[in-house]
Amino acid sequence: MRRRLIAGNWKMNGSRESLAELDGIAAAAGAAPGVDVAICPPFTLIERAAARTPTLPIGAQDCHSAPKGAHTGCVSAGMLAEAGARLVIVGHSERRAAQGETDAQVKAKAEAAIAAGLTAIVCVGETEEQREAGEAEAVVSAQLRGSVPVAGGDVLVVAYEPVWAIGTGRIPSLEDVRVMHLEVRAVLSDLLGADRAEAVRILYGGSMNAANAADLLAVPNVDGGLIGGASLTAAAFVPIIEAAAG
């Protein structure tokens, strides 16, 4: 059985004062031993977050594919690990759109993360226009084939995030989620082999919250959630952890 993973992405939010929210989140994670919980704050907070709650895995929101070099403003996977990060998100749709990241770049970042001892959360997802055109599964399949490194197990996580659902309060139907997660599992099996693919956790992301978490987590092949806005406070995030714990 794959352990559920509930990972919070703070995006470009948070300050030193925000770290107090981690206390309640860490306590809820401790009360749910069957669920893995992680928070990915801004880079500036990673080291302090890891020191404050050593039992709560802390992650990052991006990394560079190179271990070092003339890359002004960038952070390597090794630097993240040294700061205390245990995982890193790569290929989030906001970076694909705003920074023009390609599948090849995302794959290189994921490989660098795994080489540095981090778990890579590789994000994929379609836009509203692509879904309306009936292209959602083809788009996600192509992203997976171009972005996923040849690794499995605990070092690789895939997050399916329909772009049009991120931060909007809208979500696909549960049947659409089921179909897409089944497709993701099938593509992973083709890429990695059935046994290794079976160990990879597939998260749903895109407006998961306390009200809908239980229903989404009950869908086959939904192994957890990648949570944006609802992860910024313990009050909003803890009920999702509790839903994952059942």
Protein backbone atom coordinates (compact mmCIF):
# COMPACT_ATOMS: atom_id res chain seq x y z
CA MET A 1 0.00 0.00 0.00
CA ARG A 2 1.23 3.47 -0.87
CA ARG A 3 1.31 5.86 2.07
CA ARG A 4 -0.71 9.00 1.52
CA LEU A 5 1.21 12.25 1.15
CA ILE A 6 -0.27 15.66 1.91
CA ALA A 7 2.18 18.35 0.79
CA GLY A 8 1.65 22.08 1.22
CA ASN A 9 2.99 24.61 -1.30
CA TRP A 10 3.19 28.08 0.24
CA LYS A 11 4.27 29.60 -3.09
CA MET A 12 5.52 33.21 -2.65
CA ASN A 13 3.83 33.61 0.71
CA GLY A 14 5.05 33.51 4.27
CA SER A 15 7.39 35.27 6.67
CA ARG A 16 9.17 34.37 9.89
CA GLU A 17 5.89 34.90 11.73
CA SER A 18 4.24 32.32 9.48
CA LEU A 19 6.45 29.58 10.89
CA ALA A 20 4.21 29.45 13.96
CA GLU A 21 1.63 27.70 11.73
CA LEU A 22 4.01 24.76 11.47
CA ASP A 23 3.53 23.88 15.12
CA GLY A 24 -0.12 22.90 14.66
CA ILE A 25 0.63 21.18 11.34
CA ALA A 26 3.44 19.13 12.89
CA ALA A 27 1.18 18.14 15.78
CA ALA A 28 -1.53 16.96 13.37
CA ALA A 29 1.05 15.05 11.34
CA GLY A 30 2.22 13.33 14.51
CA ALA A 31 -1.35 12.30 15.26
CA ALA A 32 -1.67 10.75 11.78
CA PRO A 33 1.17 8.22 11.66
CA GLY A 34 -0.18 6.61 8.52
CA VAL A 35 0.08 9.82 6.50
CA ASP A 36 3.19 11.63 5.27
CA VAL A 37 2.91 15.42 5.61
CA ALA A 38 5.28 18.05 4.20
CA ILE A 39 5.38 21.81 3.76
CA CYS A 40 7.23 23.65 0.98
CA PRO A 41 7.77 27.26 2.11
CA PRO A 42 9.77 29.93 0.26
CA PHE A 43 13.52 29.26 0.12
CA THR A 44 14.20 31.94 2.74
CA LEU A 45 12.27 29.95 5.33
CA ILE A 46 13.49 26.41 4.63
CA GLU A 47 16.33 26.27 7.13
CA ARG A 48 14.34 27.89 9.93
CA ALA A 49 11.31 25.70 9.20
CA ALA A 50 13.41 22.52 9.28
CA ALA A 51 14.97 23.57 12.59
CA ARG A 52 11.62 24.49 14.13
CA THR A 53 9.81 21.24 13.32
CA PRO A 54 12.40 18.49 12.77
CA THR A 55 9.71 15.79 12.57
CA LEU A 56 7.87 17.59 9.73
CA PRO A 57 9.55 17.20 6.33
CA ILE A 58 10.25 20.55 4.70
CA GLY A 59 10.54 20.95 0.96
CA ALA A 60 11.31 23.54 -1.68
CA GLN A 61 9.34 24.89 -4.62
CA ASP A 62 11.97 24.66 -7.33
CA CYS A 63 15.63 23.95 -7.98
CA HIS A 64 18.18 24.39 -10.75
CA SER A 65 19.32 21.40 -12.76
CA ALA A 66 23.02 22.20 -12.29
CA PRO A 67 24.85 21.46 -9.03
CA LYS A 68 26.62 24.84 -9.14
CA GLY A 69 27.75 27.53 -11.57
CA ALA A 70 27.05 30.96 -12.99
CA HIS A 71 23.29 30.89 -12.47
CA THR A 72 22.48 34.14 -10.73
CA GLY A 73 19.43 33.96 -8.50
CA CYS A 74 19.09 30.18 -8.78
CA VAL A 75 19.37 27.52 -6.09
CA SER A 76 20.74 24.01 -6.60
CA ALA A 77 19.23 20.84 -5.22
CA GLY A 78 22.33 20.33 -3.09
CA MET A 79 21.87 23.76 -1.53
CA LEU A 80 18.28 22.86 -0.69
CA ALA A 81 19.37 19.62 0.95
CA GLU A 82 22.01 21.48 2.94
CA ALA A 83 19.33 23.91 4.14
CA GLY A 84 17.28 21.00 5.45
CA ALA A 85 14.89 20.29 2.58
CA ARG A 86 13.87 16.71 1.95
CA LEU A 87 11.79 17.18 -1.20
CA VAL A 88 11.28 19.68 -4.00
CA ILE A 89 8.45 20.58 -6.37
CA VAL A 90 9.45 20.82 -10.04
CA GLY A 91 7.43 21.70 -13.12
CA HIS A 92 4.58 23.49 -11.36
CA SER A 93 2.24 24.98 -13.95
CA GLU A 94 2.94 28.48 -12.65
CA ARG A 95 6.61 28.02 -13.51
CA ARG A 96 5.86 26.34 -16.80
CA ALA A 97 3.67 29.31 -17.76
CA ALA A 98 5.49 32.27 -16.21
CA GLN A 99 9.08 31.04 -16.65
CA GLY A 100 8.52 29.07 -19.83
CA GLU A 101 9.91 25.85 -18.39
CA THR A 102 9.94 22.93 -20.82
CA ASP A 103 9.43 19.24 -20.12
CA ALA A 104 13.15 18.67 -20.70
CA GLN A 105 14.07 21.31 -18.12
CA VAL A 106 11.64 19.84 -15.60
CA LYS A 107 13.09 16.37 -16.12
CA ALA A 108 16.63 17.69 -15.62
CA LYS A 109 15.57 19.39 -12.39
CA ALA A 110 13.92 16.21 -11.13
CA GLU A 111 17.04 14.21 -11.91
CA ALA A 112 19.18 16.77 -10.08
CA ALA A 113 16.87 16.65 -7.08
CA ILE A 114 17.01 12.86 -6.85
CA ALA A 115 20.79 12.90 -7.27
CA ALA A 116 21.00 15.28 -4.31
CA GLY A 117 18.97 12.92 -2.14
CA LEU A 118 15.67 14.78 -2.42
CA THR A 119 12.26 13.46 -3.39
CA ALA A 120 11.07 15.11 -6.61
CA ILE A 121 7.40 16.07 -6.95
CA VAL A 122 6.87 16.40 -10.71
CA CYS A 123 3.79 18.44 -11.63
CA VAL A 124 1.66 17.95 -14.74
CA GLY A 125 -1.72 19.30 -15.80
CA GLU A 126 -3.83 20.69 -18.61
CA THR A 127 -5.32 24.14 -19.18
CA GLU A 128 -9.05 24.76 -19.41
CA GLU A 129 -8.79 25.22 -23.17
CA GLN A 130 -7.03 21.89 -23.55
CA ARG A 131 -9.65 20.10 -21.46
CA GLU A 132 -12.51 21.67 -23.41
CA ALA A 133 -10.81 20.55 -26.63
CA GLY A 134 -10.71 16.96 -25.37
CA GLU A 135 -6.92 17.03 -25.13
CA ALA A 136 -6.45 16.72 -21.37
CA GLU A 137 -5.21 13.13 -21.27
CA ALA A 138 -2.95 13.58 -24.29
CA VAL A 139 -1.42 16.75 -22.81
CA VAL A 140 -0.76 15.16 -19.43
CA SER A 141 0.62 12.01 -21.02
CA ALA A 142 3.05 14.06 -23.11
CA GLN A 143 4.16 16.06 -20.08
CA LEU A 144 4.79 12.86 -18.14
CA ARG A 145 6.81 11.30 -20.93
CA GLY A 146 8.92 14.43 -21.24
CA SER A 147 9.28 15.32 -17.55
CA VAL A 148 9.50 12.13 -15.50
CA PRO A 149 12.99 10.78 -14.75
CA VAL A 150 13.64 7.06 -14.81
CA ALA A 151 13.16 6.57 -11.07
CA GLY A 152 10.43 5.19 -8.88
CA GLY A 153 9.53 4.50 -5.29
CA ASP A 154 9.87 7.14 -2.62
CA VAL A 155 12.18 9.41 -4.62
CA LEU A 156 9.51 10.26 -7.20
CA VAL A 157 6.03 11.70 -6.73
CA VAL A 158 3.74 12.94 -9.50
CA ALA A 159 1.21 15.69 -8.88
CA TYR A 160 -1.69 16.07 -11.30
CA GLU A 161 -2.93 19.66 -11.15
CA PRO A 162 -5.49 20.81 -13.71
CA VAL A 163 -4.25 24.34 -14.32
CA TRP A 164 -7.75 25.78 -14.41
CA ALA A 165 -8.51 24.44 -10.91
CA ILE A 166 -5.49 25.94 -9.13
CA GLY A 167 -6.66 28.59 -6.69
CA THR A 168 -10.06 28.93 -8.35
CA GLY A 169 -12.18 26.76 -6.07
CA ARG A 170 -13.20 24.70 -9.10
CA ILE A 171 -12.33 21.03 -9.40
CA PRO A 172 -12.91 18.35 -12.05
CA SER A 173 -15.62 15.81 -11.43
CA LEU A 174 -14.55 12.83 -9.37
CA GLU A 175 -14.91 10.70 -12.49
CA ASP A 176 -12.57 13.01 -14.41
CA VAL A 177 -10.06 12.76 -11.56
CA ARG A 178 -10.35 8.96 -11.60
CA VAL A 179 -9.80 8.77 -15.35
CA MET A 180 -6.79 11.09 -15.27
CA HIS A 181 -5.08 9.38 -12.34
CA LEU A 182 -5.60 6.02 -14.03
CA GLU A 183 -4.01 7.46 -17.18
CA VAL A 184 -1.07 8.80 -15.16
CA ARG A 185 -0.57 5.38 -13.57
CA ALA A 186 -0.66 3.71 -17.00
CA VAL A 187 1.91 6.10 -18.46
CA LEU A 188 4.18 5.65 -15.44
CA SER A 189 3.91 1.88 -15.88
CA ASP A 190 4.98 2.26 -19.49
CA LEU A 191 7.89 4.51 -18.54
CA LEU A 192 9.15 2.78 -15.41
CA GLY A 193 7.76 -0.72 -15.50
CA ALA A 194 4.72 -1.90 -13.58
CA ASP A 195 6.43 -2.63 -10.26
CA ARG A 196 8.30 0.66 -9.99
CA ALA A 197 5.31 2.65 -11.21
CA GLU A 198 3.07 1.04 -8.62
CA ALA A 199 5.24 2.52 -5.85
CA VAL A 200 4.99 6.10 -7.18
CA ARG A 201 2.45 8.26 -5.38
CA ILE A 202 0.14 10.39 -7.52
CA LEU A 203 -1.19 13.49 -5.82
CA TYR A 204 -4.19 15.58 -6.82
CA GLY A 205 -3.70 19.34 -6.72
CA GLY A 206 -6.04 22.19 -7.52
CA SER A 207 -8.38 23.65 -4.89
CA MET A 208 -8.31 20.65 -2.56
CA ASN A 209 -9.63 21.80 0.81
CA ALA A 210 -11.30 20.55 4.00
CA ALA A 211 -14.70 20.30 2.29
CA ASN A 212 -13.68 18.13 -0.67
CA ALA A 213 -10.53 16.33 0.53
CA ALA A 214 -12.25 13.15 1.72
CA ASP A 215 -14.09 12.67 -1.58
CA LEU A 216 -10.98 13.31 -3.68
CA LEU A 217 -8.81 11.06 -1.55
CA ALA A 218 -11.32 8.23 -1.94
CA VAL A 219 -10.75 8.15 -5.72
CA PRO A 220 -8.56 5.22 -6.85
CA ASN A 221 -4.93 6.19 -7.51
CA VAL A 222 -5.27 9.48 -5.62
CA ASP A 223 -2.48 9.01 -3.09
CA GLY A 224 -2.63 12.45 -1.50
CA GLY A 225 -2.76 16.11 -2.31
CA LEU A 226 -0.55 19.03 -3.27
CA ILE A 227 -2.21 21.91 -1.45
CA GLY A 228 -1.76 25.62 -2.18
CA GLY A 229 -3.73 28.26 -0.32
CA ALA A 230 -5.21 25.87 2.22
CA SER A 231 -1.71 24.97 3.45
CA LEU A 232 -0.89 28.49 4.67
CA THR A 233 -2.61 28.03 8.02
CA ALA A 234 -2.93 25.10 10.36
CA ALA A 235 -6.65 25.77 10.67
CA ALA A 236 -7.19 25.13 6.95
CA PHE A 237 -4.54 22.45 6.45
CA VAL A 238 -5.07 20.18 9.44
CA PRO A 239 -8.57 19.02 8.33
CA ILE A 240 -7.03 17.80 5.07
CA ILE A 241 -4.47 15.79 7.02
CA GLU A 242 -7.30 14.36 9.13
CA ALA A 243 -9.26 13.44 5.99
CA ALA A 244 -6.21 11.61 4.64
CA ALA A 245 -5.86 9.74 7.92
CA GLY A 246 -9.46 8.57 7.58
